[in-house]
Amino acid sequence: MGDRVFFGFLIEDAHKRLLEEFPDEKIRIFIQKIADYYIHSWKKMAASNKKTSWNWASAFFGFSWMAYRKMLKLALLWFVMLSVLELITVAGASIVGGENFAIGIIALIGISSFLIMPIVFGLFGNYIYASFVYEKLKEIEIIDPDLSESSLLLEGGTSWGKVLLFLAGSLIVEIIYMAIQTSLLSPPSGF
């Protein structure tokens, strides 16, 4: 039976499969920092048959938390999806209702993102991370069937460098995005 994957990254029952297929010690070596928290959360989620539990770090830091946990592709995917959605909304709003309407829509999207995304990341952060860890351990297992400590340490853990890389890239995208917004909201020359 193949993995059922949702949204390109969530593996069905990843937390349960992770705990069933891999020893806690291998998971602990892969995760490194605060591994006991994640293993405890996943066991609790599996026992209650839930895919949600609260993670303050993922709620407060969202994309940066994903980058820190080396989920850079996922952080980038979410960032691009939200940026494109916001750009389409702003472009549509400026065409339909003019500058003031577009500014109102931008504010509404900003407030909604500020309130909704932390809740989503907070509730599903542990499950998203379980899917990532499960997928990475399966990949490592193909190359290194014994899941040696050196392989787990190399691929797992955390990275402040990836956080800085993601934040720098995000800043560049935001500057470009603001330039596009400004051009959409500015009246054509000659008026």
N, C-alpha and C. Protein backbone atom coordinates (compact mmCIF):
# COMPACT_ATOMS: atom_id res chain seq x y z
N MET A 1 0.84 -1.18 0.00
CA MET A 1 0.00 0.00 0.00
C MET A 1 0.89 1.25 0.00
N GLY A 2 0.66 2.15 -0.96
CA GLY A 2 1.45 3.37 -1.06
C GLY A 2 0.99 4.41 -0.06
N ASP A 3 1.85 5.39 0.17
CA ASP A 3 1.51 6.47 1.09
C ASP A 3 0.43 7.34 0.47
N ARG A 4 -0.56 7.69 1.27
CA ARG A 4 -1.54 8.67 0.84
C ARG A 4 -1.00 10.02 1.25
N VAL A 5 -0.77 10.86 0.26
CA VAL A 5 -0.16 12.16 0.51
C VAL A 5 -1.20 13.24 0.23
N PHE A 6 -1.28 14.22 1.13
CA PHE A 6 -2.23 15.32 0.99
C PHE A 6 -1.45 16.62 0.83
N PHE A 7 -1.87 17.45 -0.10
CA PHE A 7 -1.26 18.75 -0.33
C PHE A 7 0.23 18.65 -0.64
N GLY A 8 0.68 17.49 -1.10
CA GLY A 8 2.06 17.31 -1.48
C GLY A 8 3.03 17.11 -0.34
N PHE A 9 2.57 17.16 0.92
CA PHE A 9 3.51 17.00 2.02
C PHE A 9 2.95 16.26 3.22
N LEU A 10 1.66 16.21 3.40
CA LEU A 10 1.09 15.52 4.56
C LEU A 10 0.84 14.05 4.23
N ILE A 11 1.45 13.19 4.99
CA ILE A 11 1.29 11.76 4.79
C ILE A 11 0.23 11.27 5.77
N GLU A 12 -0.72 10.50 5.26
CA GLU A 12 -1.81 10.01 6.10
C GLU A 12 -1.25 9.26 7.31
N ASP A 13 -1.71 9.64 8.49
CA ASP A 13 -1.30 9.02 9.75
C ASP A 13 0.21 8.99 9.93
N ALA A 14 0.88 10.04 9.51
CA ALA A 14 2.35 10.09 9.59
C ALA A 14 2.85 9.90 11.01
N HIS A 15 2.19 10.54 11.97
CA HIS A 15 2.65 10.42 13.36
C HIS A 15 2.56 8.99 13.85
N LYS A 16 1.50 8.28 13.49
CA LYS A 16 1.35 6.88 13.90
C LYS A 16 2.38 6.00 13.19
N ARG A 17 2.51 6.20 11.90
CA ARG A 17 3.45 5.38 11.11
C ARG A 17 4.88 5.62 11.55
N LEU A 18 5.21 6.87 11.84
CA LEU A 18 6.55 7.21 12.30
C LEU A 18 6.88 6.43 13.58
N LEU A 19 5.96 6.45 14.54
CA LEU A 19 6.19 5.79 15.82
C LEU A 19 6.19 4.27 15.69
N GLU A 20 5.43 3.74 14.74
CA GLU A 20 5.37 2.29 14.54
C GLU A 20 6.59 1.76 13.79
N GLU A 21 7.07 2.51 12.82
CA GLU A 21 8.11 2.02 11.92
C GLU A 21 9.54 2.34 12.35
N PHE A 22 9.70 3.33 13.23
CA PHE A 22 11.05 3.74 13.62
C PHE A 22 11.17 3.77 15.14
N PRO A 23 12.29 3.28 15.66
CA PRO A 23 12.50 3.33 17.12
C PRO A 23 12.62 4.77 17.62
N ASP A 24 12.15 5.01 18.82
CA ASP A 24 12.22 6.35 19.41
C ASP A 24 13.65 6.91 19.37
N GLU A 25 14.63 6.06 19.61
CA GLU A 25 16.01 6.52 19.65
C GLU A 25 16.46 7.09 18.30
N LYS A 26 16.05 6.44 17.20
CA LYS A 26 16.42 6.94 15.86
C LYS A 26 15.71 8.27 15.59
N ILE A 27 14.45 8.36 15.99
CA ILE A 27 13.69 9.61 15.82
C ILE A 27 14.35 10.72 16.65
N ARG A 28 14.73 10.38 17.87
CA ARG A 28 15.36 11.34 18.78
C ARG A 28 16.68 11.87 18.19
N ILE A 29 17.48 10.99 17.62
CA ILE A 29 18.75 11.41 17.01
C ILE A 29 18.48 12.33 15.83
N PHE A 30 17.47 11.99 15.01
CA PHE A 30 17.14 12.81 13.84
C PHE A 30 16.67 14.20 14.26
N ILE A 31 15.75 14.26 15.20
CA ILE A 31 15.16 15.54 15.61
C ILE A 31 16.18 16.40 16.36
N GLN A 32 16.94 15.79 17.24
CA GLN A 32 17.95 16.43 18.07
C GLN A 32 17.32 17.35 19.13
N LYS A 33 17.15 18.62 18.88
CA LYS A 33 16.66 19.55 19.91
C LYS A 33 15.19 19.31 20.23
N ILE A 34 14.88 19.26 21.48
CA ILE A 34 13.56 19.00 22.09
C ILE A 34 12.83 17.81 21.45
N ALA A 35 13.57 16.76 21.17
CA ALA A 35 12.99 15.55 20.57
C ALA A 35 11.93 14.94 21.48
N ASP A 36 12.15 14.96 22.77
CA ASP A 36 11.18 14.36 23.69
C ASP A 36 9.82 15.04 23.59
N TYR A 37 9.82 16.35 23.38
CA TYR A 37 8.55 17.08 23.21
C TYR A 37 7.78 16.52 22.01
N TYR A 38 8.47 16.39 20.88
CA TYR A 38 7.80 15.93 19.66
C TYR A 38 7.34 14.48 19.79
N ILE A 39 8.19 13.62 20.30
CA ILE A 39 7.80 12.21 20.45
C ILE A 39 6.61 12.10 21.39
N HIS A 40 6.64 12.83 22.50
CA HIS A 40 5.51 12.82 23.44
C HIS A 40 4.22 13.32 22.76
N SER A 41 4.34 14.42 22.01
CA SER A 41 3.16 14.98 21.32
C SER A 41 2.59 13.98 20.32
N TRP A 42 3.46 13.33 19.54
CA TRP A 42 3.00 12.38 18.54
C TRP A 42 2.35 11.16 19.19
N LYS A 43 2.90 10.70 20.29
CA LYS A 43 2.30 9.56 21.00
C LYS A 43 0.92 9.93 21.53
N LYS A 44 0.83 11.12 22.08
CA LYS A 44 -0.46 11.61 22.60
C LYS A 44 -1.49 11.76 21.47
N MET A 45 -1.04 12.30 20.34
CA MET A 45 -1.93 12.46 19.18
C MET A 45 -2.37 11.10 18.66
N ALA A 46 -1.45 10.14 18.56
CA ALA A 46 -1.76 8.81 18.06
C ALA A 46 -2.74 8.10 18.99
N ALA A 47 -2.53 8.23 20.30
CA ALA A 47 -3.41 7.58 21.28
C ALA A 47 -4.83 8.13 21.22
N SER A 48 -4.96 9.42 20.94
CA SER A 48 -6.29 10.04 20.87
C SER A 48 -6.83 10.09 19.44
N ASN A 49 -6.07 9.53 18.50
CA ASN A 49 -6.47 9.49 17.08
C ASN A 49 -6.73 10.88 16.52
N LYS A 50 -5.86 11.83 16.86
CA LYS A 50 -5.99 13.22 16.39
C LYS A 50 -4.79 13.59 15.54
N LYS A 51 -4.99 14.61 14.72
CA LYS A 51 -3.91 15.15 13.91
C LYS A 51 -3.52 16.54 14.38
N THR A 52 -4.10 16.97 15.48
CA THR A 52 -3.80 18.30 16.00
C THR A 52 -3.27 18.22 17.42
N SER A 53 -2.40 19.13 17.72
CA SER A 53 -1.93 19.41 19.08
C SER A 53 -1.28 20.78 18.98
N TRP A 54 -1.15 21.46 20.08
CA TRP A 54 -0.67 22.84 20.02
C TRP A 54 0.84 22.89 20.07
N ASN A 55 1.43 23.71 19.17
CA ASN A 55 2.86 23.93 19.13
C ASN A 55 3.08 25.44 19.09
N TRP A 56 3.56 26.00 20.20
CA TRP A 56 3.75 27.44 20.30
C TRP A 56 4.77 27.96 19.30
N ALA A 57 5.85 27.21 19.10
CA ALA A 57 6.90 27.67 18.18
C ALA A 57 6.37 27.79 16.76
N SER A 58 5.61 26.79 16.31
CA SER A 58 5.07 26.86 14.95
C SER A 58 3.99 27.94 14.84
N ALA A 59 3.26 28.18 15.92
CA ALA A 59 2.24 29.23 15.91
C ALA A 59 2.87 30.61 15.80
N PHE A 60 3.88 30.87 16.62
CA PHE A 60 4.49 32.21 16.64
C PHE A 60 5.45 32.45 15.48
N PHE A 61 6.15 31.43 15.05
CA PHE A 61 7.21 31.64 14.07
C PHE A 61 6.92 31.07 12.69
N GLY A 62 5.86 30.28 12.52
CA GLY A 62 5.39 29.79 11.23
C GLY A 62 6.46 29.37 10.25
N PHE A 63 6.65 30.19 9.22
CA PHE A 63 7.60 29.86 8.16
C PHE A 63 9.03 29.73 8.70
N SER A 64 9.39 30.59 9.63
CA SER A 64 10.74 30.53 10.21
C SER A 64 10.94 29.25 11.00
N TRP A 65 9.90 28.80 11.71
CA TRP A 65 9.97 27.53 12.43
C TRP A 65 10.19 26.38 11.45
N MET A 66 9.47 26.42 10.32
CA MET A 66 9.65 25.38 9.31
C MET A 66 11.09 25.37 8.78
N ALA A 67 11.62 26.55 8.51
CA ALA A 67 13.00 26.63 8.03
C ALA A 67 13.98 26.14 9.10
N TYR A 68 13.75 26.50 10.34
CA TYR A 68 14.59 26.07 11.45
C TYR A 68 14.62 24.54 11.56
N ARG A 69 13.48 23.92 11.34
CA ARG A 69 13.35 22.46 11.40
C ARG A 69 13.71 21.81 10.06
N LYS A 70 14.33 22.58 9.18
CA LYS A 70 14.82 22.13 7.86
C LYS A 70 13.70 21.74 6.90
N MET A 71 12.53 22.29 7.08
CA MET A 71 11.41 22.08 6.15
C MET A 71 11.34 23.27 5.19
N LEU A 72 12.46 23.57 4.55
CA LEU A 72 12.58 24.76 3.72
C LEU A 72 11.63 24.74 2.52
N LYS A 73 11.50 23.59 1.87
CA LYS A 73 10.60 23.50 0.71
C LYS A 73 9.16 23.80 1.13
N LEU A 74 8.77 23.28 2.26
CA LEU A 74 7.41 23.50 2.75
C LEU A 74 7.20 24.96 3.14
N ALA A 75 8.17 25.55 3.80
CA ALA A 75 8.08 26.97 4.17
C ALA A 75 7.94 27.82 2.91
N LEU A 76 8.73 27.50 1.91
CA LEU A 76 8.69 28.22 0.65
C LEU A 76 7.35 28.04 -0.05
N LEU A 77 6.84 26.82 -0.05
CA LEU A 77 5.53 26.54 -0.67
C LEU A 77 4.44 27.39 -0.04
N TRP A 78 4.36 27.40 1.29
CA TRP A 78 3.34 28.18 1.99
C TRP A 78 3.52 29.67 1.71
N PHE A 79 4.75 30.14 1.77
CA PHE A 79 5.02 31.55 1.54
C PHE A 79 4.60 31.98 0.14
N VAL A 80 4.96 31.19 -0.86
CA VAL A 80 4.62 31.51 -2.25
C VAL A 80 3.10 31.47 -2.44
N MET A 81 2.44 30.43 -1.89
CA MET A 81 0.98 30.33 -2.02
C MET A 81 0.29 31.57 -1.45
N LEU A 82 0.68 31.96 -0.27
CA LEU A 82 0.05 33.12 0.35
C LEU A 82 0.38 34.42 -0.38
N SER A 83 1.61 34.55 -0.85
CA SER A 83 2.00 35.76 -1.58
C SER A 83 1.25 35.88 -2.90
N VAL A 84 1.11 34.78 -3.63
CA VAL A 84 0.38 34.80 -4.90
C VAL A 84 -1.09 35.11 -4.65
N LEU A 85 -1.67 34.49 -3.63
CA LEU A 85 -3.07 34.75 -3.29
C LEU A 85 -3.28 36.23 -2.96
N GLU A 86 -2.37 36.78 -2.17
CA GLU A 86 -2.48 38.19 -1.82
C GLU A 86 -2.31 39.08 -3.04
N LEU A 87 -1.37 38.76 -3.90
CA LEU A 87 -1.13 39.56 -5.10
C LEU A 87 -2.35 39.54 -6.02
N ILE A 88 -2.94 38.37 -6.22
CA ILE A 88 -4.14 38.25 -7.06
C ILE A 88 -5.29 39.05 -6.45
N THR A 89 -5.44 38.96 -5.14
CA THR A 89 -6.51 39.68 -4.46
C THR A 89 -6.32 41.19 -4.58
N VAL A 90 -5.10 41.65 -4.38
CA VAL A 90 -4.82 43.09 -4.47
C VAL A 90 -5.03 43.58 -5.90
N ALA A 91 -4.55 42.81 -6.87
CA ALA A 91 -4.72 43.21 -8.27
C ALA A 91 -6.21 43.28 -8.61
N GLY A 92 -6.96 42.26 -8.21
CA GLY A 92 -8.40 42.26 -8.48
C GLY A 92 -9.11 43.40 -7.78
N ALA A 93 -8.75 43.64 -6.52
CA ALA A 93 -9.38 44.72 -5.76
C ALA A 93 -9.08 46.08 -6.36
N SER A 94 -7.86 46.29 -6.84
CA SER A 94 -7.52 47.60 -7.41
C SER A 94 -8.24 47.82 -8.74
N ILE A 95 -8.48 46.76 -9.48
CA ILE A 95 -9.20 46.87 -10.75
C ILE A 95 -10.68 47.12 -10.50
N VAL A 96 -11.26 46.38 -9.56
CA VAL A 96 -12.70 46.45 -9.29
C VAL A 96 -13.07 47.71 -8.52
N GLY A 97 -12.34 48.03 -7.45
CA GLY A 97 -12.80 49.09 -6.57
C GLY A 97 -11.91 50.29 -6.42
N GLY A 98 -10.82 50.33 -7.10
CA GLY A 98 -9.92 51.49 -7.00
C GLY A 98 -8.98 51.39 -5.81
N GLU A 99 -8.23 52.47 -5.62
CA GLU A 99 -7.15 52.51 -4.64
C GLU A 99 -7.63 52.28 -3.21
N ASN A 100 -8.64 53.00 -2.75
CA ASN A 100 -9.10 52.87 -1.36
C ASN A 100 -9.63 51.47 -1.07
N PHE A 101 -10.36 50.91 -2.02
CA PHE A 101 -10.89 49.56 -1.87
C PHE A 101 -9.73 48.57 -1.77
N ALA A 102 -8.73 48.72 -2.62
CA ALA A 102 -7.57 47.82 -2.63
C ALA A 102 -6.80 47.92 -1.31
N ILE A 103 -6.64 49.13 -0.79
CA ILE A 103 -5.94 49.29 0.49
C ILE A 103 -6.72 48.61 1.60
N GLY A 104 -8.04 48.70 1.57
CA GLY A 104 -8.88 48.01 2.55
C GLY A 104 -8.73 46.50 2.46
N ILE A 105 -8.69 45.98 1.24
CA ILE A 105 -8.52 44.54 1.03
C ILE A 105 -7.15 44.09 1.54
N ILE A 106 -6.11 44.88 1.25
CA ILE A 106 -4.77 44.56 1.73
C ILE A 106 -4.77 44.47 3.26
N ALA A 107 -5.40 45.43 3.91
CA ALA A 107 -5.47 45.43 5.37
C ALA A 107 -6.23 44.22 5.88
N LEU A 108 -7.35 43.89 5.23
CA LEU A 108 -8.15 42.73 5.63
C LEU A 108 -7.35 41.43 5.49
N ILE A 109 -6.64 41.28 4.38
CA ILE A 109 -5.81 40.09 4.17
C ILE A 109 -4.71 40.03 5.22
N GLY A 110 -4.08 41.15 5.48
CA GLY A 110 -3.01 41.19 6.49
C GLY A 110 -3.50 40.79 7.86
N ILE A 111 -4.65 41.33 8.26
CA ILE A 111 -5.22 40.99 9.56
C ILE A 111 -5.63 39.52 9.60
N SER A 112 -6.26 39.04 8.54
CA SER A 112 -6.67 37.64 8.48
C SER A 112 -5.47 36.71 8.56
N SER A 113 -4.43 37.02 7.81
CA SER A 113 -3.22 36.20 7.84
C SER A 113 -2.60 36.22 9.22
N PHE A 114 -2.60 37.39 9.84
CA PHE A 114 -2.01 37.54 11.17
C PHE A 114 -2.76 36.72 12.20
N LEU A 115 -4.08 36.58 12.03
CA LEU A 115 -4.88 35.85 13.00
C LEU A 115 -5.04 34.36 12.67
N ILE A 116 -5.22 34.05 11.39
CA ILE A 116 -5.54 32.67 11.00
C ILE A 116 -4.30 31.80 10.89
N MET A 117 -3.25 32.28 10.25
CA MET A 117 -2.07 31.44 10.02
C MET A 117 -1.42 30.94 11.32
N PRO A 118 -1.29 31.76 12.34
CA PRO A 118 -0.73 31.22 13.58
C PRO A 118 -1.58 30.10 14.19
N ILE A 119 -2.87 30.20 14.05
CA ILE A 119 -3.75 29.15 14.58
C ILE A 119 -3.56 27.86 13.78
N VAL A 120 -3.53 27.98 12.46
CA VAL A 120 -3.31 26.81 11.60
C VAL A 120 -1.96 26.17 11.89
N PHE A 121 -0.90 26.99 11.89
CA PHE A 121 0.44 26.45 12.16
C PHE A 121 0.53 25.89 13.57
N GLY A 122 -0.09 26.56 14.54
CA GLY A 122 -0.06 26.07 15.92
C GLY A 122 -0.74 24.73 16.09
N LEU A 123 -1.89 24.57 15.46
CA LEU A 123 -2.65 23.32 15.57
C LEU A 123 -2.03 22.16 14.78
N PHE A 124 -1.52 22.45 13.60
CA PHE A 124 -1.04 21.37 12.72
C PHE A 124 0.48 21.27 12.63
N GLY A 125 1.21 22.14 13.33
CA GLY A 125 2.67 22.12 13.26
C GLY A 125 3.28 20.78 13.60
N ASN A 126 2.82 20.16 14.68
CA ASN A 126 3.38 18.87 15.09
C ASN A 126 3.09 17.79 14.05
N TYR A 127 1.91 17.82 13.46
CA TYR A 127 1.57 16.82 12.44
C TYR A 127 2.38 17.04 11.16
N ILE A 128 2.52 18.29 10.78
CA ILE A 128 3.33 18.62 9.60
C ILE A 128 4.77 18.15 9.82
N TYR A 129 5.28 18.39 11.02
CA TYR A 129 6.65 17.97 11.30
C TYR A 129 6.77 16.44 11.34
N ALA A 130 5.76 15.77 11.86
CA ALA A 130 5.77 14.29 11.85
C ALA A 130 5.82 13.77 10.42
N SER A 131 5.06 14.38 9.52
CA SER A 131 5.09 13.98 8.11
C SER A 131 6.47 14.18 7.52
N PHE A 132 7.08 15.32 7.83
CA PHE A 132 8.42 15.62 7.33
C PHE A 132 9.44 14.61 7.86
N VAL A 133 9.41 14.36 9.17
CA VAL A 133 10.37 13.43 9.78
C VAL A 133 10.18 12.03 9.21
N TYR A 134 8.93 11.60 9.07
CA TYR A 134 8.66 10.27 8.52
C TYR A 134 9.22 10.15 7.10
N GLU A 135 8.94 11.14 6.29
CA GLU A 135 9.41 11.13 4.90
C GLU A 135 10.95 11.12 4.83
N LYS A 136 11.58 11.95 5.65
CA LYS A 136 13.05 12.01 5.64
C LYS A 136 13.66 10.70 6.13
N LEU A 137 13.09 10.10 7.17
CA LEU A 137 13.63 8.83 7.66
C LEU A 137 13.46 7.73 6.63
N LYS A 138 12.36 7.74 5.89
CA LYS A 138 12.17 6.75 4.81
C LYS A 138 13.23 6.96 3.72
N GLU A 139 13.52 8.20 3.37
CA GLU A 139 14.54 8.51 2.37
C GLU A 139 15.93 8.05 2.85
N ILE A 140 16.25 8.34 4.10
CA ILE A 140 17.55 7.95 4.66
C ILE A 140 17.66 6.42 4.69
N GLU A 141 16.57 5.77 5.03
CA GLU A 141 16.55 4.30 5.14
C GLU A 141 16.88 3.62 3.81
N ILE A 142 16.51 4.24 2.71
CA ILE A 142 16.82 3.68 1.38
C ILE A 142 18.33 3.68 1.15
N ILE A 143 18.99 4.77 1.53
CA ILE A 143 20.43 4.91 1.33
C ILE A 143 21.22 4.21 2.43
N ASP A 144 20.71 4.31 3.66
CA ASP A 144 21.39 3.77 4.83
C ASP A 144 20.39 2.94 5.64
N PRO A 145 20.21 1.66 5.28
CA PRO A 145 19.20 0.82 5.94
C PRO A 145 19.34 0.72 7.46
N ASP A 146 20.54 0.93 7.98
CA ASP A 146 20.75 0.86 9.44
C ASP A 146 20.42 2.18 10.14
N LEU A 147 20.13 3.20 9.36
CA LEU A 147 19.88 4.54 9.90
C LEU A 147 21.00 4.93 10.87
N SER A 148 22.21 4.97 10.36
CA SER A 148 23.37 5.29 11.20
C SER A 148 23.23 6.69 11.80
N GLU A 149 23.85 6.86 12.94
CA GLU A 149 23.76 8.14 13.65
C GLU A 149 24.28 9.28 12.79
N SER A 150 25.35 9.04 12.03
CA SER A 150 25.92 10.11 11.20
C SER A 150 24.93 10.55 10.12
N SER A 151 24.20 9.62 9.52
CA SER A 151 23.20 9.97 8.51
C SER A 151 22.05 10.77 9.12
N LEU A 152 21.62 10.33 10.30
CA LEU A 152 20.51 11.01 10.97
C LEU A 152 20.90 12.42 11.40
N LEU A 153 22.11 12.56 11.92
CA LEU A 153 22.58 13.88 12.36
C LEU A 153 22.76 14.83 11.18
N LEU A 154 23.22 14.30 10.07
CA LEU A 154 23.45 15.13 8.87
C LEU A 154 22.13 15.66 8.30
N GLU A 155 21.15 14.79 8.18
CA GLU A 155 19.87 15.16 7.55
C GLU A 155 18.89 15.82 8.51
N GLY A 156 19.00 15.50 9.78
CA GLY A 156 18.02 15.99 10.76
C GLY A 156 18.49 17.23 11.48
N GLY A 157 17.88 17.44 12.63
CA GLY A 157 18.26 18.57 13.47
C GLY A 157 17.64 19.87 13.04
N THR A 158 18.34 20.93 13.38
CA THR A 158 17.84 22.27 13.12
C THR A 158 18.91 23.09 12.41
N SER A 159 18.51 24.23 11.88
CA SER A 159 19.46 25.06 11.16
C SER A 159 19.08 26.54 11.23
N TRP A 160 19.89 27.31 11.96
CA TRP A 160 19.69 28.76 11.96
C TRP A 160 20.06 29.35 10.60
N GLY A 161 21.00 28.70 9.91
CA GLY A 161 21.40 29.15 8.58
C GLY A 161 20.23 29.13 7.61
N LYS A 162 19.41 28.08 7.67
CA LYS A 162 18.24 27.99 6.80
C LYS A 162 17.20 29.06 7.16
N VAL A 163 17.11 29.38 8.45
CA VAL A 163 16.20 30.45 8.86
C VAL A 163 16.65 31.77 8.25
N LEU A 164 17.94 32.07 8.36
CA LEU A 164 18.48 33.32 7.80
C LEU A 164 18.32 33.36 6.28
N LEU A 165 18.58 32.23 5.63
CA LEU A 165 18.40 32.14 4.18
C LEU A 165 16.95 32.40 3.79
N PHE A 166 16.03 31.78 4.50
CA PHE A 166 14.61 31.96 4.21
C PHE A 166 14.17 33.40 4.46
N LEU A 167 14.62 33.97 5.58
CA LEU A 167 14.24 35.36 5.88
C LEU A 167 14.79 36.34 4.86
N ALA A 168 16.02 36.11 4.42
CA ALA A 168 16.62 36.98 3.39
C ALA A 168 15.83 36.87 2.08
N GLY A 169 15.51 35.64 1.69
CA GLY A 169 14.71 35.44 0.48
C GLY A 169 13.33 36.05 0.60
N SER A 170 12.72 35.90 1.77
CA SER A 170 11.39 36.48 2.03
C SER A 170 11.43 37.99 1.93
N LEU A 171 12.49 38.58 2.46
CA LEU A 171 12.63 40.04 2.41
C LEU A 171 12.72 40.52 0.97
N ILE A 172 13.49 39.83 0.15
CA ILE A 172 13.62 40.20 -1.26
C ILE A 172 12.27 40.09 -1.96
N VAL A 173 11.56 38.99 -1.72
CA VAL A 173 10.24 38.80 -2.34
C VAL A 173 9.28 39.88 -1.88
N GLU A 174 9.31 40.22 -0.59
CA GLU A 174 8.41 41.26 -0.07
C GLU A 174 8.71 42.62 -0.70
N ILE A 175 9.98 42.94 -0.91
CA ILE A 175 10.34 44.21 -1.56
C ILE A 175 9.79 44.24 -2.98
N ILE A 176 9.95 43.16 -3.70
CA ILE A 176 9.41 43.06 -5.06
C ILE A 176 7.89 43.17 -5.02
N TYR A 177 7.29 42.47 -4.08
CA TYR A 177 5.83 42.47 -3.93
C TYR A 177 5.32 43.88 -3.63
N MET A 178 5.99 44.61 -2.74
CA MET A 178 5.57 45.97 -2.42
C MET A 178 5.68 46.88 -3.63
N ALA A 179 6.71 46.67 -4.45
CA ALA A 179 6.86 47.47 -5.67
C ALA A 179 5.69 47.19 -6.63
N ILE A 180 5.29 45.94 -6.74
CA ILE A 180 4.15 45.58 -7.60
C ILE A 180 2.88 46.19 -7.04
N GLN A 181 2.67 46.08 -5.72
CA GLN A 181 1.49 46.69 -5.11
C GLN A 181 1.44 48.19 -5.36
N THR A 182 2.56 48.85 -5.19
CA THR A 182 2.62 50.29 -5.40
C THR A 182 2.26 50.65 -6.83
N SER A 183 2.78 49.88 -7.79
CA SER A 183 2.48 50.17 -9.19
C SER A 183 1.01 49.90 -9.50
N LEU A 184 0.40 48.91 -8.85
CA LEU A 184 -1.02 48.63 -9.09
C LEU A 184 -1.91 49.71 -8.49
N LEU A 185 -1.47 50.29 -7.37
CA LEU A 185 -2.30 51.27 -6.68
C LEU A 185 -2.03 52.71 -7.13
N SER A 186 -0.94 52.92 -7.85
CA SER A 186 -0.62 54.27 -8.32
C SER A 186 -1.42 54.58 -9.58
N PRO A 187 -1.90 55.82 -9.68
CA PRO A 187 -2.63 56.19 -10.88
C PRO A 187 -1.66 56.23 -12.08
N PRO A 188 -2.16 55.96 -13.28
CA PRO A 188 -1.30 55.99 -14.47
C PRO A 188 -0.69 57.39 -14.63
N SER A 189 0.49 57.46 -15.22
CA SER A 189 1.15 58.75 -15.42
C SER A 189 0.32 59.60 -16.38
N GLY A 190 0.38 60.89 -16.15
CA GLY A 190 -0.36 61.81 -17.00
C GLY A 190 -1.69 62.24 -16.39
N PHE A 191 -1.99 61.74 -15.19
CA PHE A 191 -3.25 62.13 -14.53
C PHE A 191 -2.98 63.12 -13.45
